[in-house]
Amino acid sequence: MDSTPDLTVTEAAAEQIKLHAEKGGNAGMPFRIAARRGDDGMIEYNVGFDDVKPGDSVVESNGVEVLIDEKSAPFTKGMIVDFTSVDGQPEQFMFLNPNVKREDK
């Protein structure tokens, strides 16, 4: 099974990633997304700027290089990273992930 990440960073998210990189002194560094399944079964994310490490996949989307490690790849396949507001909340990064299994209520 191919576990190469296939993710998309929207234009809005790419702008915010670049802005955060500039503000934090990380301009030009790749943006890492680490994902794992938590104890509750939901996918948890950690993000930040990092150097490429052995085993990383590098995905470019809307001018942003995104790093995904081997363990995170299955959890990020097909994911869309967006920056938006939901239900009147402040804007924030959103991970629209087809790998999240929603239970029927």
N, C-alpha and C. Protein backbone atom coordinates (compact mmCIF):
# COMPACT_ATOMS: atom_id res chain seq x y z
N MET A 1 0.84 -1.18 0.00
CA MET A 1 0.00 0.00 0.00
C MET A 1 0.88 1.24 0.00
N ASP A 2 0.57 2.21 -0.86
CA ASP A 2 1.33 3.44 -0.98
C ASP A 2 0.96 4.37 0.16
N SER A 3 1.96 4.75 0.97
CA SER A 3 1.69 5.65 2.08
C SER A 3 2.29 7.03 1.83
N THR A 4 2.66 7.32 0.57
CA THR A 4 3.18 8.64 0.25
C THR A 4 2.09 9.67 0.51
N PRO A 5 2.43 10.72 1.27
CA PRO A 5 1.41 11.73 1.56
C PRO A 5 0.93 12.40 0.29
N ASP A 6 -0.33 12.63 0.22
CA ASP A 6 -0.95 13.36 -0.87
C ASP A 6 -1.85 14.37 -0.18
N LEU A 7 -1.27 15.52 0.18
CA LEU A 7 -2.07 16.50 0.90
C LEU A 7 -2.02 17.83 0.18
N THR A 8 -2.98 18.67 0.50
CA THR A 8 -3.11 19.98 -0.10
C THR A 8 -3.12 21.03 0.98
N VAL A 9 -2.35 22.09 0.76
CA VAL A 9 -2.38 23.27 1.62
C VAL A 9 -3.12 24.33 0.83
N THR A 10 -4.23 24.85 1.37
CA THR A 10 -4.98 25.87 0.65
C THR A 10 -4.16 27.17 0.59
N GLU A 11 -4.57 28.07 -0.29
CA GLU A 11 -3.88 29.36 -0.40
C GLU A 11 -3.92 30.11 0.93
N ALA A 12 -5.06 30.08 1.61
CA ALA A 12 -5.19 30.78 2.90
C ALA A 12 -4.23 30.20 3.93
N ALA A 13 -4.12 28.88 3.98
CA ALA A 13 -3.21 28.24 4.94
C ALA A 13 -1.75 28.52 4.56
N ALA A 14 -1.44 28.49 3.27
CA ALA A 14 -0.08 28.76 2.82
C ALA A 14 0.34 30.18 3.21
N GLU A 15 -0.55 31.14 3.05
CA GLU A 15 -0.24 32.52 3.44
C GLU A 15 0.07 32.60 4.93
N GLN A 16 -0.72 31.92 5.76
CA GLN A 16 -0.51 31.94 7.20
C GLN A 16 0.77 31.23 7.60
N ILE A 17 1.08 30.12 6.95
CA ILE A 17 2.32 29.40 7.25
C ILE A 17 3.51 30.30 6.95
N LYS A 18 3.48 30.96 5.79
CA LYS A 18 4.58 31.86 5.42
C LYS A 18 4.68 33.03 6.40
N LEU A 19 3.55 33.57 6.82
CA LEU A 19 3.52 34.68 7.78
C LEU A 19 4.12 34.24 9.12
N HIS A 20 3.72 33.07 9.61
CA HIS A 20 4.25 32.54 10.88
C HIS A 20 5.75 32.27 10.77
N ALA A 21 6.19 31.79 9.61
CA ALA A 21 7.62 31.53 9.41
C ALA A 21 8.41 32.83 9.48
N GLU A 22 7.91 33.86 8.83
CA GLU A 22 8.59 35.17 8.85
C GLU A 22 8.65 35.72 10.27
N LYS A 23 7.51 35.72 10.95
CA LYS A 23 7.44 36.27 12.31
C LYS A 23 8.33 35.50 13.29
N GLY A 24 8.46 34.21 13.09
CA GLY A 24 9.22 33.37 14.01
C GLY A 24 10.69 33.19 13.63
N GLY A 25 11.12 33.88 12.58
CA GLY A 25 12.51 33.74 12.15
C GLY A 25 12.79 32.42 11.45
N ASN A 26 11.78 31.81 10.88
CA ASN A 26 11.92 30.51 10.22
C ASN A 26 11.68 30.58 8.72
N ALA A 27 11.83 31.76 8.14
CA ALA A 27 11.58 31.93 6.70
C ALA A 27 12.40 30.93 5.90
N GLY A 28 11.74 30.29 4.95
CA GLY A 28 12.41 29.33 4.08
C GLY A 28 12.48 27.91 4.63
N MET A 29 12.10 27.72 5.90
CA MET A 29 12.12 26.36 6.47
C MET A 29 10.84 25.62 6.11
N PRO A 30 10.93 24.31 5.91
CA PRO A 30 9.74 23.51 5.66
C PRO A 30 8.84 23.46 6.90
N PHE A 31 7.56 23.24 6.65
CA PHE A 31 6.53 23.16 7.68
C PHE A 31 6.25 21.68 7.93
N ARG A 32 6.48 21.22 9.14
CA ARG A 32 6.26 19.81 9.48
C ARG A 32 4.87 19.61 10.07
N ILE A 33 4.21 18.56 9.60
CA ILE A 33 2.95 18.10 10.19
C ILE A 33 3.19 16.68 10.68
N ALA A 34 3.06 16.48 11.98
CA ALA A 34 3.15 15.15 12.57
C ALA A 34 1.75 14.76 13.02
N ALA A 35 1.37 13.53 12.75
CA ALA A 35 0.03 13.07 13.10
C ALA A 35 0.12 11.69 13.73
N ARG A 36 -0.76 11.45 14.69
CA ARG A 36 -0.84 10.13 15.32
C ARG A 36 -2.26 9.94 15.83
N ARG A 37 -2.63 8.69 16.02
CA ARG A 37 -3.95 8.39 16.58
C ARG A 37 -3.85 8.44 18.09
N GLY A 38 -4.70 9.26 18.70
CA GLY A 38 -4.71 9.42 20.15
C GLY A 38 -5.42 8.28 20.84
N ASP A 39 -5.38 8.30 22.16
CA ASP A 39 -6.04 7.26 22.96
C ASP A 39 -7.54 7.20 22.70
N ASP A 40 -8.13 8.35 22.33
CA ASP A 40 -9.57 8.38 22.07
C ASP A 40 -9.91 7.99 20.64
N GLY A 41 -8.89 7.63 19.84
CA GLY A 41 -9.12 7.21 18.46
C GLY A 41 -9.07 8.34 17.45
N MET A 42 -9.05 9.58 17.92
CA MET A 42 -9.00 10.73 17.01
C MET A 42 -7.55 10.96 16.57
N ILE A 43 -7.39 11.60 15.43
CA ILE A 43 -6.05 11.91 14.95
C ILE A 43 -5.62 13.24 15.56
N GLU A 44 -4.42 13.23 16.17
CA GLU A 44 -3.85 14.42 16.80
C GLU A 44 -2.72 14.93 15.93
N TYR A 45 -2.56 16.26 15.90
CA TYR A 45 -1.56 16.88 15.04
C TYR A 45 -0.61 17.75 15.86
N ASN A 46 0.65 17.77 15.44
CA ASN A 46 1.64 18.72 15.92
C ASN A 46 2.25 19.34 14.67
N VAL A 47 2.44 20.65 14.72
CA VAL A 47 3.00 21.36 13.57
C VAL A 47 4.13 22.26 14.02
N GLY A 48 5.00 22.58 13.10
CA GLY A 48 6.10 23.49 13.37
C GLY A 48 7.04 23.52 12.19
N PHE A 49 8.08 24.30 12.31
CA PHE A 49 9.08 24.41 11.26
C PHE A 49 10.26 23.53 11.62
N ASP A 50 10.81 22.82 10.63
CA ASP A 50 11.82 21.82 10.93
C ASP A 50 12.69 21.58 9.69
N ASP A 51 13.81 20.92 9.91
CA ASP A 51 14.67 20.50 8.81
C ASP A 51 14.22 19.11 8.34
N VAL A 52 14.54 18.81 7.10
CA VAL A 52 14.24 17.49 6.54
C VAL A 52 15.08 16.45 7.27
N LYS A 53 14.43 15.35 7.65
CA LYS A 53 15.11 14.24 8.33
C LYS A 53 14.99 12.99 7.47
N PRO A 54 15.88 12.01 7.68
CA PRO A 54 15.78 10.77 6.91
C PRO A 54 14.38 10.14 7.07
N GLY A 55 13.82 9.68 5.97
CA GLY A 55 12.51 9.05 5.99
C GLY A 55 11.36 10.03 5.78
N ASP A 56 11.65 11.33 5.75
CA ASP A 56 10.59 12.31 5.53
C ASP A 56 10.16 12.32 4.07
N SER A 57 8.89 12.57 3.85
CA SER A 57 8.38 12.90 2.53
C SER A 57 8.24 14.41 2.50
N VAL A 58 8.53 15.00 1.36
CA VAL A 58 8.38 16.43 1.18
C VAL A 58 7.30 16.66 0.14
N VAL A 59 6.26 17.38 0.53
CA VAL A 59 5.15 17.69 -0.36
C VAL A 59 5.12 19.20 -0.53
N GLU A 60 5.02 19.66 -1.77
CA GLU A 60 4.89 21.10 -2.01
C GLU A 60 3.47 21.40 -2.45
N SER A 61 2.88 22.41 -1.81
CA SER A 61 1.52 22.81 -2.14
C SER A 61 1.38 24.30 -1.91
N ASN A 62 0.95 25.01 -2.94
CA ASN A 62 0.78 26.46 -2.88
C ASN A 62 2.01 27.18 -2.34
N GLY A 63 3.19 26.71 -2.78
CA GLY A 63 4.43 27.38 -2.43
C GLY A 63 4.97 27.07 -1.05
N VAL A 64 4.40 26.08 -0.37
CA VAL A 64 4.85 25.68 0.97
C VAL A 64 5.37 24.25 0.89
N GLU A 65 6.58 24.04 1.44
CA GLU A 65 7.10 22.68 1.57
C GLU A 65 6.61 22.11 2.89
N VAL A 66 5.97 20.95 2.82
CA VAL A 66 5.44 20.29 4.01
C VAL A 66 6.20 18.98 4.20
N LEU A 67 6.67 18.76 5.43
CA LEU A 67 7.37 17.53 5.78
C LEU A 67 6.41 16.59 6.50
N ILE A 68 6.44 15.33 6.10
CA ILE A 68 5.64 14.29 6.74
C ILE A 68 6.56 13.11 7.02
N ASP A 69 6.64 12.68 8.28
CA ASP A 69 7.47 11.51 8.59
C ASP A 69 6.71 10.23 8.24
N GLU A 70 7.45 9.13 8.22
CA GLU A 70 6.86 7.84 7.80
C GLU A 70 5.67 7.42 8.65
N LYS A 71 5.75 7.66 9.96
CA LYS A 71 4.65 7.24 10.85
C LYS A 71 3.41 8.09 10.66
N SER A 72 3.58 9.35 10.26
CA SER A 72 2.45 10.26 10.07
C SER A 72 1.78 10.11 8.71
N ALA A 73 2.53 9.58 7.73
CA ALA A 73 2.04 9.53 6.35
C ALA A 73 0.66 8.88 6.20
N PRO A 74 0.38 7.74 6.83
CA PRO A 74 -0.94 7.13 6.64
C PRO A 74 -2.08 8.00 7.19
N PHE A 75 -1.77 8.84 8.17
CA PHE A 75 -2.81 9.68 8.78
C PHE A 75 -3.03 10.98 8.03
N THR A 76 -2.15 11.31 7.08
CA THR A 76 -2.27 12.59 6.38
C THR A 76 -2.61 12.42 4.90
N LYS A 77 -2.70 11.20 4.44
CA LYS A 77 -2.98 10.95 3.02
C LYS A 77 -4.35 11.51 2.63
N GLY A 78 -4.33 12.40 1.64
CA GLY A 78 -5.58 12.99 1.16
C GLY A 78 -6.07 14.18 1.97
N MET A 79 -5.31 14.60 2.96
CA MET A 79 -5.73 15.67 3.87
C MET A 79 -5.62 17.04 3.20
N ILE A 80 -6.50 17.95 3.59
CA ILE A 80 -6.44 19.35 3.18
C ILE A 80 -6.17 20.18 4.43
N VAL A 81 -5.15 21.04 4.36
CA VAL A 81 -4.84 21.96 5.45
C VAL A 81 -5.39 23.31 5.03
N ASP A 82 -6.28 23.86 5.86
CA ASP A 82 -6.91 25.14 5.55
C ASP A 82 -6.73 26.08 6.73
N PHE A 83 -7.00 27.34 6.50
CA PHE A 83 -6.97 28.34 7.56
C PHE A 83 -8.27 29.11 7.41
N THR A 84 -9.17 28.92 8.38
CA THR A 84 -10.50 29.49 8.24
C THR A 84 -11.16 29.63 9.60
N SER A 85 -12.32 30.23 9.59
CA SER A 85 -13.14 30.38 10.78
C SER A 85 -14.35 29.46 10.67
N VAL A 86 -14.70 28.81 11.76
CA VAL A 86 -15.86 27.93 11.78
C VAL A 86 -16.79 28.37 12.90
N ASP A 87 -18.05 28.52 12.59
CA ASP A 87 -19.07 28.86 13.58
C ASP A 87 -18.69 30.09 14.41
N GLY A 88 -18.16 31.12 13.76
CA GLY A 88 -17.86 32.37 14.44
C GLY A 88 -16.61 32.35 15.31
N GLN A 89 -15.87 31.24 15.31
CA GLN A 89 -14.63 31.16 16.09
C GLN A 89 -13.53 31.93 15.36
N PRO A 90 -12.47 32.33 16.08
CA PRO A 90 -11.35 32.99 15.39
C PRO A 90 -10.76 32.06 14.33
N GLU A 91 -10.13 32.66 13.33
CA GLU A 91 -9.51 31.85 12.29
C GLU A 91 -8.42 30.98 12.89
N GLN A 92 -8.31 29.77 12.36
CA GLN A 92 -7.32 28.82 12.83
C GLN A 92 -7.05 27.79 11.75
N PHE A 93 -5.95 27.04 11.92
CA PHE A 93 -5.67 25.97 10.98
C PHE A 93 -6.69 24.86 11.17
N MET A 94 -7.16 24.33 10.06
CA MET A 94 -8.12 23.23 10.07
C MET A 94 -7.51 22.09 9.27
N PHE A 95 -7.66 20.87 9.77
CA PHE A 95 -7.18 19.68 9.08
C PHE A 95 -8.40 18.90 8.61
N LEU A 96 -8.68 18.99 7.32
CA LEU A 96 -9.82 18.29 6.74
C LEU A 96 -9.30 16.95 6.25
N ASN A 97 -9.57 15.93 7.05
CA ASN A 97 -8.87 14.67 6.88
C ASN A 97 -9.83 13.53 6.57
N PRO A 98 -9.70 12.91 5.40
CA PRO A 98 -10.58 11.79 5.06
C PRO A 98 -10.28 10.53 5.87
N ASN A 99 -9.19 10.52 6.63
CA ASN A 99 -8.82 9.36 7.42
C ASN A 99 -9.51 9.32 8.78
N VAL A 100 -10.22 10.40 9.12
CA VAL A 100 -10.95 10.44 10.39
C VAL A 100 -12.25 9.68 10.19
N LYS A 101 -12.45 8.70 11.01
CA LYS A 101 -13.67 7.89 10.94
C LYS A 101 -14.71 8.48 11.91
N ARG A 102 -15.82 8.89 11.36
CA ARG A 102 -16.88 9.48 12.19
C ARG A 102 -17.87 8.38 12.56
N GLU A 103 -18.18 8.31 13.83
CA GLU A 103 -19.15 7.33 14.31
C GLU A 103 -20.57 7.84 14.03
N ASP A 104 -21.45 6.96 13.61
CA ASP A 104 -22.86 7.33 13.43
C ASP A 104 -23.46 7.58 14.82
N LYS A 105 -24.28 8.62 14.88
CA LYS A 105 -24.88 8.96 16.19
C LYS A 105 -26.21 8.27 16.35
